[in-house]
């Protein structure tokens, strides 16, 4: 669901022709970023062994800020050459592609707790 919201906000911003339309979309995107940030930290802390959480969290932070830098360069180049909506179209297509390619993995992660009791029963004591 989280990725669908992000994908739809990119589409909405690409189609928006008024600041009054874009403003609530930006609000939804900001709320989504806040909620997804909290959710992803929780999932990461549950999935990563305690002694590696600092390293994995640091690598995540480097990748997030590195992605912001690279994305800014790509977005600026796209806007310069193809217009101000081009970065939003690019983000929409990229986000939709990620949703399609990663959807199965996301649902597996979301239901990992449901499979855990079964594994505990099978594993030798």
N, C-alpha and C. Protein backbone atom coordinates (compact mmCIF):
# COMPACT_ATOMS: atom_id res chain seq x y z
N UNK A 1 0.82 -1.20 0.00
CA UNK A 1 0.00 0.00 0.00
C UNK A 1 0.87 1.26 0.00
N UNK A 2 1.93 1.25 0.79
CA UNK A 2 2.80 2.42 0.89
C UNK A 2 3.36 2.81 -0.47
N UNK A 3 3.82 1.83 -1.23
CA UNK A 3 4.41 2.13 -2.53
C UNK A 3 3.36 2.63 -3.51
N UNK A 4 2.13 2.13 -3.38
CA UNK A 4 1.06 2.61 -4.26
C UNK A 4 0.78 4.09 -4.00
N UNK A 5 0.81 4.51 -2.75
CA UNK A 5 0.58 5.91 -2.43
C UNK A 5 1.66 6.77 -3.07
N UNK A 6 2.91 6.35 -2.93
CA UNK A 6 4.00 7.14 -3.52
C UNK A 6 3.86 7.21 -5.04
N UNK A 7 3.56 6.11 -5.65
CA UNK A 7 3.39 6.08 -7.10
C UNK A 7 2.26 7.01 -7.54
N UNK A 8 1.15 6.98 -6.82
CA UNK A 8 0.02 7.83 -7.17
C UNK A 8 0.31 9.32 -6.92
N UNK A 9 1.11 9.63 -5.91
CA UNK A 9 1.44 11.04 -5.69
C UNK A 9 2.32 11.57 -6.82
N UNK A 10 3.23 10.74 -7.32
CA UNK A 10 4.05 11.16 -8.47
C UNK A 10 3.16 11.40 -9.69
N UNK A 11 2.21 10.51 -9.91
CA UNK A 11 1.29 10.68 -11.03
C UNK A 11 0.46 11.95 -10.85
N UNK A 12 -0.05 12.16 -9.66
CA UNK A 12 -0.85 13.35 -9.38
C UNK A 12 -0.06 14.63 -9.62
N UNK A 13 1.20 14.65 -9.19
CA UNK A 13 2.02 15.84 -9.41
C UNK A 13 2.36 16.04 -10.89
N UNK A 14 2.52 14.95 -11.62
CA UNK A 14 2.79 15.06 -13.05
C UNK A 14 1.58 15.63 -13.80
N UNK A 15 0.39 15.32 -13.32
CA UNK A 15 -0.83 15.77 -13.98
C UNK A 15 -1.35 17.11 -13.45
N UNK A 16 -0.88 17.53 -12.29
CA UNK A 16 -1.39 18.76 -11.67
C UNK A 16 -1.10 19.99 -12.53
N UNK A 17 -2.11 20.82 -12.66
CA UNK A 17 -1.95 22.06 -13.43
C UNK A 17 -2.15 23.29 -12.57
N UNK A 18 -2.38 23.08 -11.28
CA UNK A 18 -2.65 24.18 -10.37
C UNK A 18 -1.95 23.93 -9.03
N UNK A 19 -1.50 25.01 -8.42
CA UNK A 19 -0.89 24.89 -7.10
C UNK A 19 -1.90 24.36 -6.08
N UNK A 20 -3.18 24.68 -6.27
CA UNK A 20 -4.22 24.22 -5.34
C UNK A 20 -4.45 22.72 -5.46
N UNK A 21 -4.12 22.15 -6.57
CA UNK A 21 -4.19 20.69 -6.73
C UNK A 21 -2.91 20.06 -6.20
N UNK A 22 -1.78 20.68 -6.49
CA UNK A 22 -0.49 20.12 -6.08
C UNK A 22 -0.29 20.17 -4.56
N UNK A 23 -0.81 21.20 -3.91
CA UNK A 23 -0.59 21.37 -2.47
C UNK A 23 -1.08 20.19 -1.63
N UNK A 24 -2.31 19.72 -1.80
CA UNK A 24 -2.73 18.55 -1.01
C UNK A 24 -1.96 17.28 -1.39
N UNK A 25 -1.54 17.19 -2.64
CA UNK A 25 -0.74 16.02 -3.05
C UNK A 25 0.60 16.04 -2.33
N UNK A 26 1.22 17.21 -2.25
CA UNK A 26 2.47 17.33 -1.50
C UNK A 26 2.26 16.99 -0.02
N UNK A 27 1.12 17.39 0.54
CA UNK A 27 0.82 17.06 1.93
C UNK A 27 0.74 15.54 2.11
N UNK A 28 0.03 14.87 1.22
CA UNK A 28 -0.08 13.41 1.28
C UNK A 28 1.29 12.77 1.13
N UNK A 29 2.09 13.30 0.20
CA UNK A 29 3.43 12.75 0.01
C UNK A 29 4.28 12.92 1.27
N UNK A 30 4.19 14.08 1.92
CA UNK A 30 4.94 14.30 3.17
C UNK A 30 4.49 13.37 4.27
N UNK A 31 3.17 13.18 4.41
CA UNK A 31 2.66 12.25 5.41
C UNK A 31 3.13 10.83 5.09
N UNK A 32 3.08 10.47 3.82
CA UNK A 32 3.55 9.15 3.40
C UNK A 32 5.02 8.95 3.75
N UNK A 33 5.85 9.97 3.50
CA UNK A 33 7.28 9.86 3.80
C UNK A 33 7.50 9.66 5.30
N UNK A 34 6.75 10.36 6.11
CA UNK A 34 6.87 10.22 7.57
C UNK A 34 6.46 8.82 8.02
N UNK A 35 5.32 8.35 7.53
CA UNK A 35 4.82 7.03 7.94
C UNK A 35 5.72 5.93 7.41
N UNK A 36 6.13 6.04 6.14
CA UNK A 36 7.00 5.00 5.57
C UNK A 36 8.36 4.98 6.27
N UNK A 37 8.89 6.15 6.62
CA UNK A 37 10.17 6.19 7.34
C UNK A 37 10.10 5.44 8.65
N UNK A 38 9.04 5.65 9.38
CA UNK A 38 8.85 4.95 10.66
C UNK A 38 8.66 3.45 10.44
N UNK A 39 7.84 3.10 9.46
CA UNK A 39 7.58 1.69 9.18
C UNK A 39 8.84 0.96 8.73
N UNK A 40 9.62 1.59 7.85
CA UNK A 40 10.82 0.93 7.34
C UNK A 40 11.86 0.72 8.45
N UNK A 41 11.96 1.65 9.36
CA UNK A 41 12.88 1.48 10.49
C UNK A 41 12.44 0.29 11.34
N UNK A 42 11.14 0.19 11.60
CA UNK A 42 10.62 -0.91 12.40
C UNK A 42 10.88 -2.26 11.73
N UNK A 43 10.61 -2.33 10.43
CA UNK A 43 10.85 -3.58 9.70
C UNK A 43 12.33 -3.93 9.71
N UNK A 44 13.18 -2.94 9.48
CA UNK A 44 14.62 -3.18 9.47
C UNK A 44 15.11 -3.66 10.84
N UNK A 45 14.62 -3.07 11.91
CA UNK A 45 15.05 -3.48 13.25
C UNK A 45 14.59 -4.88 13.58
N UNK A 46 13.46 -5.29 13.04
CA UNK A 46 12.98 -6.66 13.27
C UNK A 46 13.75 -7.67 12.44
N UNK A 47 14.23 -7.25 11.27
CA UNK A 47 14.87 -8.18 10.34
C UNK A 47 16.37 -8.31 10.55
N UNK A 48 17.00 -7.30 11.14
CA UNK A 48 18.46 -7.28 11.25
C UNK A 48 18.87 -7.65 12.68
N UNK A 49 19.86 -8.54 12.81
CA UNK A 49 20.34 -8.88 14.16
C UNK A 49 20.81 -7.62 14.90
N UNK A 50 20.62 -7.62 16.19
CA UNK A 50 20.92 -6.46 17.03
C UNK A 50 22.34 -5.93 16.82
N UNK A 51 23.31 -6.83 16.76
CA UNK A 51 24.70 -6.38 16.65
C UNK A 51 25.03 -5.74 15.30
N UNK A 52 24.14 -5.86 14.31
CA UNK A 52 24.38 -5.26 12.99
C UNK A 52 23.48 -4.05 12.71
N UNK A 53 22.59 -3.73 13.63
CA UNK A 53 21.63 -2.67 13.35
C UNK A 53 22.27 -1.30 13.12
N UNK A 54 23.31 -0.98 13.85
CA UNK A 54 23.99 0.30 13.65
C UNK A 54 24.60 0.40 12.26
N UNK A 55 25.25 -0.67 11.83
CA UNK A 55 25.87 -0.66 10.50
C UNK A 55 24.82 -0.59 9.40
N UNK A 56 23.77 -1.37 9.53
CA UNK A 56 22.72 -1.39 8.52
C UNK A 56 21.98 -0.04 8.50
N UNK A 57 21.71 0.53 9.67
CA UNK A 57 21.07 1.84 9.73
C UNK A 57 21.92 2.92 9.09
N UNK A 58 23.23 2.87 9.34
CA UNK A 58 24.14 3.85 8.73
C UNK A 58 24.18 3.70 7.22
N UNK A 59 24.24 2.48 6.73
CA UNK A 59 24.25 2.24 5.29
C UNK A 59 22.94 2.73 4.67
N UNK A 60 21.83 2.49 5.35
CA UNK A 60 20.54 2.99 4.87
C UNK A 60 20.56 4.51 4.76
N UNK A 61 21.09 5.18 5.76
CA UNK A 61 21.15 6.65 5.74
C UNK A 61 22.01 7.15 4.59
N UNK A 62 23.15 6.52 4.37
CA UNK A 62 24.03 6.90 3.26
C UNK A 62 23.31 6.72 1.93
N UNK A 63 22.60 5.61 1.78
CA UNK A 63 21.88 5.35 0.53
C UNK A 63 20.74 6.35 0.33
N UNK A 64 20.01 6.68 1.40
CA UNK A 64 18.91 7.65 1.29
C UNK A 64 19.44 9.01 0.85
N UNK A 65 20.47 9.52 1.53
CA UNK A 65 20.98 10.84 1.18
C UNK A 65 21.71 10.83 -0.16
N UNK A 66 22.39 9.73 -0.47
CA UNK A 66 23.01 9.59 -1.79
C UNK A 66 21.96 9.58 -2.88
N UNK A 67 20.83 8.90 -2.63
CA UNK A 67 19.73 8.88 -3.58
C UNK A 67 19.13 10.26 -3.79
N UNK A 68 19.06 11.05 -2.71
CA UNK A 68 18.55 12.42 -2.83
C UNK A 68 19.46 13.26 -3.72
N UNK A 69 20.76 13.09 -3.57
CA UNK A 69 21.72 13.85 -4.38
C UNK A 69 21.61 13.44 -5.85
N UNK A 70 21.64 12.14 -6.10
CA UNK A 70 21.56 11.65 -7.48
C UNK A 70 20.21 12.02 -8.10
N UNK A 71 19.14 11.87 -7.32
CA UNK A 71 17.81 12.22 -7.81
C UNK A 71 17.68 13.69 -8.14
N UNK A 72 18.32 14.54 -7.34
CA UNK A 72 18.28 15.98 -7.62
C UNK A 72 18.96 16.30 -8.95
N UNK A 73 20.08 15.66 -9.20
CA UNK A 73 20.79 15.88 -10.47
C UNK A 73 19.94 15.39 -11.65
N UNK A 74 19.39 14.19 -11.52
CA UNK A 74 18.55 13.65 -12.60
C UNK A 74 17.31 14.51 -12.80
N UNK A 75 16.65 14.87 -11.69
CA UNK A 75 15.44 15.70 -11.79
C UNK A 75 15.73 17.06 -12.41
N UNK A 76 16.84 17.67 -12.03
CA UNK A 76 17.20 18.96 -12.62
C UNK A 76 17.47 18.86 -14.10
N UNK A 77 18.17 17.81 -14.50
CA UNK A 77 18.46 17.62 -15.93
C UNK A 77 17.18 17.36 -16.71
N UNK A 78 16.30 16.52 -16.17
CA UNK A 78 15.03 16.25 -16.85
C UNK A 78 14.18 17.51 -16.98
N UNK A 79 14.08 18.29 -15.90
CA UNK A 79 13.28 19.51 -15.93
C UNK A 79 13.86 20.53 -16.90
N UNK A 80 15.18 20.60 -16.96
CA UNK A 80 15.83 21.55 -17.87
C UNK A 80 15.55 21.20 -19.33
N UNK A 81 15.62 19.93 -19.65
CA UNK A 81 15.50 19.52 -21.05
C UNK A 81 14.07 19.21 -21.49
N UNK A 82 13.22 18.74 -20.56
CA UNK A 82 11.89 18.28 -20.97
C UNK A 82 10.73 18.99 -20.28
N UNK A 83 11.00 19.90 -19.38
CA UNK A 83 9.94 20.63 -18.70
C UNK A 83 9.80 20.21 -17.24
N UNK A 84 9.08 21.03 -16.51
CA UNK A 84 9.01 20.87 -15.06
C UNK A 84 8.25 19.61 -14.62
N UNK A 85 7.39 19.08 -15.47
CA UNK A 85 6.68 17.86 -15.07
C UNK A 85 7.46 16.58 -15.36
N UNK A 86 8.52 16.67 -16.15
CA UNK A 86 9.29 15.48 -16.52
C UNK A 86 9.83 14.70 -15.32
N UNK A 87 10.36 15.35 -14.28
CA UNK A 87 10.84 14.56 -13.13
C UNK A 87 9.72 13.77 -12.45
N UNK A 88 8.50 14.32 -12.45
CA UNK A 88 7.38 13.61 -11.83
C UNK A 88 6.95 12.41 -12.67
N UNK A 89 6.98 12.56 -13.99
CA UNK A 89 6.69 11.42 -14.86
C UNK A 89 7.75 10.33 -14.70
N UNK A 90 9.01 10.76 -14.64
CA UNK A 90 10.11 9.82 -14.44
C UNK A 90 9.94 9.08 -13.11
N UNK A 91 9.60 9.82 -12.06
CA UNK A 91 9.40 9.21 -10.74
C UNK A 91 8.20 8.27 -10.75
N UNK A 92 7.14 8.66 -11.45
CA UNK A 92 5.96 7.80 -11.53
C UNK A 92 6.30 6.47 -12.21
N UNK A 93 6.95 6.55 -13.35
CA UNK A 93 7.29 5.32 -14.09
C UNK A 93 8.24 4.45 -13.26
N UNK A 94 9.27 5.07 -12.66
CA UNK A 94 10.21 4.32 -11.85
C UNK A 94 9.56 3.69 -10.64
N UNK A 95 8.70 4.44 -9.96
CA UNK A 95 8.01 3.92 -8.78
C UNK A 95 7.06 2.79 -9.16
N UNK A 96 6.33 2.95 -10.26
CA UNK A 96 5.43 1.89 -10.71
C UNK A 96 6.20 0.63 -11.07
N UNK A 97 7.34 0.80 -11.70
CA UNK A 97 8.18 -0.35 -12.05
C UNK A 97 8.66 -1.08 -10.79
N UNK A 98 9.10 -0.32 -9.79
CA UNK A 98 9.52 -0.94 -8.53
C UNK A 98 8.37 -1.67 -7.85
N UNK A 99 7.18 -1.10 -7.86
CA UNK A 99 6.03 -1.75 -7.25
C UNK A 99 5.77 -3.09 -7.94
N UNK A 100 5.78 -3.09 -9.26
CA UNK A 100 5.52 -4.33 -10.00
C UNK A 100 6.60 -5.37 -9.71
N UNK A 101 7.86 -4.95 -9.73
CA UNK A 101 8.96 -5.90 -9.55
C UNK A 101 9.11 -6.39 -8.11
N UNK A 102 8.75 -5.56 -7.14
CA UNK A 102 8.99 -5.90 -5.74
C UNK A 102 7.74 -6.28 -4.96
N UNK A 103 6.57 -6.27 -5.58
CA UNK A 103 5.33 -6.49 -4.86
C UNK A 103 5.33 -7.84 -4.12
N UNK A 104 5.78 -8.89 -4.75
CA UNK A 104 5.81 -10.20 -4.10
C UNK A 104 6.70 -10.21 -2.87
N UNK A 105 7.83 -9.56 -2.96
CA UNK A 105 8.74 -9.48 -1.82
C UNK A 105 8.13 -8.67 -0.68
N UNK A 106 7.46 -7.59 -1.01
CA UNK A 106 6.83 -6.75 0.02
C UNK A 106 5.74 -7.51 0.76
N UNK A 107 4.95 -8.29 0.04
CA UNK A 107 3.89 -9.05 0.72
C UNK A 107 4.50 -10.16 1.57
N UNK A 108 5.61 -10.73 1.14
CA UNK A 108 6.28 -11.76 1.95
C UNK A 108 6.78 -11.16 3.25
N UNK A 109 7.38 -9.99 3.18
CA UNK A 109 7.87 -9.32 4.38
C UNK A 109 6.71 -8.96 5.31
N UNK A 110 5.62 -8.50 4.73
CA UNK A 110 4.46 -8.08 5.53
C UNK A 110 3.86 -9.24 6.30
N UNK A 111 3.99 -10.46 5.79
CA UNK A 111 3.39 -11.63 6.44
C UNK A 111 4.44 -12.55 7.06
N UNK A 112 5.62 -12.05 7.31
CA UNK A 112 6.70 -12.88 7.86
C UNK A 112 6.35 -13.41 9.24
N UNK A 113 5.66 -12.64 10.06
CA UNK A 113 5.29 -13.09 11.41
C UNK A 113 4.33 -14.27 11.37
N UNK A 114 3.49 -14.33 10.36
CA UNK A 114 2.53 -15.42 10.25
C UNK A 114 3.23 -16.74 9.96
N UNK A 115 4.36 -16.71 9.25
CA UNK A 115 5.10 -17.92 8.93
C UNK A 115 6.03 -18.33 10.06
N UNK A 116 6.40 -17.42 10.91
CA UNK A 116 7.36 -17.70 11.98
C UNK A 116 6.91 -18.82 12.93
N UNK A 117 5.65 -18.86 13.41
CA UNK A 117 5.26 -19.95 14.30
C UNK A 117 5.39 -21.32 13.64
N UNK A 118 5.09 -21.41 12.34
CA UNK A 118 5.23 -22.67 11.64
C UNK A 118 6.68 -23.14 11.64
N UNK A 119 7.60 -22.21 11.43
CA UNK A 119 9.01 -22.55 11.42
C UNK A 119 9.47 -23.01 12.80
N UNK A 120 8.96 -22.41 13.84
CA UNK A 120 9.34 -22.79 15.20
C UNK A 120 8.90 -24.21 15.51
N UNK A 121 7.74 -24.63 14.99
CA UNK A 121 7.24 -25.98 15.23
C UNK A 121 8.09 -27.01 14.50
N UNK A 122 8.60 -26.69 13.34
CA UNK A 122 9.35 -27.63 12.52
C UNK A 122 10.79 -27.75 13.01
N UNK A 123 11.35 -26.65 13.49
CA UNK A 123 12.76 -26.65 13.90
C UNK A 123 12.97 -27.52 15.11
N UNK A 124 14.08 -28.29 15.12
CA UNK A 124 14.36 -29.13 16.30
C UNK A 124 14.72 -28.27 17.50
N UNK A 125 14.38 -28.75 18.66
CA UNK A 125 14.62 -27.99 19.90
C UNK A 125 16.03 -28.16 20.41
